[in-house]
């Protein structure tokens, strides 16, 4: 693997952690962004938080799988 591929996989993991922390912490500034407001509008605040936790887990899983199988 090239160094740029390592960086991308690490970014996947870090962004996944960030998404999970923001959702669990119920951070207002995170859910008031344009992209998050879309999910808050359609799923409600709790549904959007669940979505972002699942998104974070998926990003972490992709990053870890990339390290294992690449």
C-alpha atoms as a PDB file:
ATOM      1  CA  UNK A   1       0.000   0.000   0.000  1.00  0.00           C
ATOM      2  CA  UNK A   2       1.165   3.503  -0.736  1.00  0.00           C
ATOM      3  CA  UNK A   3       1.300   6.190   1.965  1.00  0.00           C
ATOM      4  CA  UNK A   4      -1.697   8.001   0.449  1.00  0.00           C
ATOM      5  CA  UNK A   5      -3.816   4.864   0.856  1.00  0.00           C
ATOM      6  CA  UNK A   6      -2.849   4.670   4.530  1.00  0.00           C
ATOM      7  CA  UNK A   7      -3.862   8.310   4.962  1.00  0.00           C
ATOM      8  CA  UNK A   8      -7.259   7.697   3.358  1.00  0.00           C
ATOM      9  CA  UNK A   9      -7.946   4.686   5.576  1.00  0.00           C
ATOM     10  CA  UNK A  10      -6.904   6.606   8.680  1.00  0.00           C
ATOM     11  CA  UNK A  11      -9.196   9.455   7.615  1.00  0.00           C
ATOM     12  CA  UNK A  12     -12.101   7.009   7.299  1.00  0.00           C
ATOM     13  CA  UNK A  13     -11.512   5.837  10.853  1.00  0.00           C
ATOM     14  CA  UNK A  14     -11.092   9.344  12.262  1.00  0.00           C
ATOM     15  CA  UNK A  15     -14.193  10.672  10.504  1.00  0.00           C
ATOM     16  CA  UNK A  16     -16.147   7.687  11.775  1.00  0.00           C
ATOM     17  CA  UNK A  17     -15.028   8.403  15.335  1.00  0.00           C
ATOM     18  CA  UNK A  18     -15.904  12.072  14.896  1.00  0.00           C
ATOM     19  CA  UNK A  19     -19.383  11.209  13.633  1.00  0.00           C
ATOM     20  CA  UNK A  20     -20.026   8.859  16.554  1.00  0.00           C
ATOM     21  CA  UNK A  21     -18.761  11.352  19.150  1.00  0.00           C
ATOM     22  CA  UNK A  22     -20.878  14.162  17.672  1.00  0.00           C
ATOM     23  CA  UNK A  23     -23.991  11.974  17.608  1.00  0.00           C
ATOM     24  CA  UNK A  24     -23.560  10.589  21.129  1.00  0.00           C
ATOM     25  CA  UNK A  25     -22.688  14.035  22.481  1.00  0.00           C
ATOM     26  CA  UNK A  26     -25.738  15.529  20.719  1.00  0.00           C
ATOM     27  CA  UNK A  27     -23.629  18.478  19.586  1.00  0.00           C
ATOM     28  CA  UNK A  28     -25.882  21.295  18.378  1.00  0.00           C
ATOM     29  CA  UNK A  29     -23.321  22.798  16.006  1.00  0.00           C
ATOM     30  CA  UNK A  30     -22.991  19.431  14.245  1.00  0.00           C
ATOM     31  CA  UNK A  31     -26.716  18.966  13.727  1.00  0.00           C
ATOM     32  CA  UNK A  32     -27.244  22.529  12.539  1.00  0.00           C
ATOM     33  CA  UNK A  33     -25.068  22.095   9.459  1.00  0.00           C
ATOM     34  CA  UNK A  34     -26.783  21.963   6.089  1.00  0.00           C
ATOM     35  CA  UNK A  35     -26.191  18.253   5.564  1.00  0.00           C
ATOM     36  CA  UNK A  36     -27.309  17.210   9.045  1.00  0.00           C
ATOM     37  CA  UNK A  37     -30.428  19.399   8.927  1.00  0.00           C
ATOM     38  CA  UNK A  38     -31.677  17.271   6.036  1.00  0.00           C
ATOM     39  CA  UNK A  39     -31.613  14.152   8.218  1.00  0.00           C
ATOM     40  CA  UNK A  40     -33.003  15.987  11.262  1.00  0.00           C
ATOM     41  CA  UNK A  41     -35.921  17.214   9.127  1.00  0.00           C
ATOM     42  CA  UNK A  42     -36.812  13.728   7.857  1.00  0.00           C
ATOM     43  CA  UNK A  43     -35.878  11.465  10.777  1.00  0.00           C
ATOM     44  CA  UNK A  44     -36.064  13.816  13.758  1.00  0.00           C
ATOM     45  CA  UNK A  45     -33.149  14.572  16.032  1.00  0.00           C
ATOM     46  CA  UNK A  46     -32.974  11.083  17.558  1.00  0.00           C
ATOM     47  CA  UNK A  47     -33.211   9.399  14.156  1.00  0.00           C
ATOM     48  CA  UNK A  48     -30.456  11.617  12.803  1.00  0.00           C
ATOM     49  CA  UNK A  49     -28.264  10.743  15.777  1.00  0.00           C
ATOM     50  CA  UNK A  50     -28.829   7.028  15.156  1.00  0.00           C
ATOM     51  CA  UNK A  51     -28.041   7.537  11.468  1.00  0.00           C
ATOM     52  CA  UNK A  52     -24.759   9.291  12.252  1.00  0.00           C
ATOM     53  CA  UNK A  53     -23.721   6.605  14.732  1.00  0.00           C
ATOM     54  CA  UNK A  54     -24.377   3.959  12.074  1.00  0.00           C
ATOM     55  CA  UNK A  55     -22.534   6.042   9.487  1.00  0.00           C
ATOM     56  CA  UNK A  56     -19.574   6.343  11.850  1.00  0.00           C
ATOM     57  CA  UNK A  57     -19.520   2.597  12.445  1.00  0.00           C
ATOM     58  CA  UNK A  58     -19.620   1.977   8.685  1.00  0.00           C
ATOM     59  CA  UNK A  59     -16.722   4.379   8.095  1.00  0.00           C
ATOM     60  CA  UNK A  60     -14.662   2.725  10.813  1.00  0.00           C
ATOM     61  CA  UNK A  61     -15.471  -0.722   9.410  1.00  0.00           C
ATOM     62  CA  UNK A  62     -14.378   0.356   5.926  1.00  0.00           C
ATOM     63  CA  UNK A  63     -11.122   1.779   7.277  1.00  0.00           C
ATOM     64  CA  UNK A  64     -10.319  -1.329   9.296  1.00  0.00           C
ATOM     65  CA  UNK A  65     -11.287  -3.641   6.434  1.00  0.00           C
ATOM     66  CA  UNK A  66      -8.994  -1.646   4.158  1.00  0.00           C
ATOM     67  CA  UNK A  67      -6.080  -2.218   6.508  1.00  0.00           C
ATOM     68  CA  UNK A  68      -6.835  -5.920   6.813  1.00  0.00           C
ATOM     69  CA  UNK A  69      -7.653  -6.880   3.217  1.00  0.00           C
ATOM     70  CA  UNK A  70      -5.877  -4.304   1.036  1.00  0.00           C
END
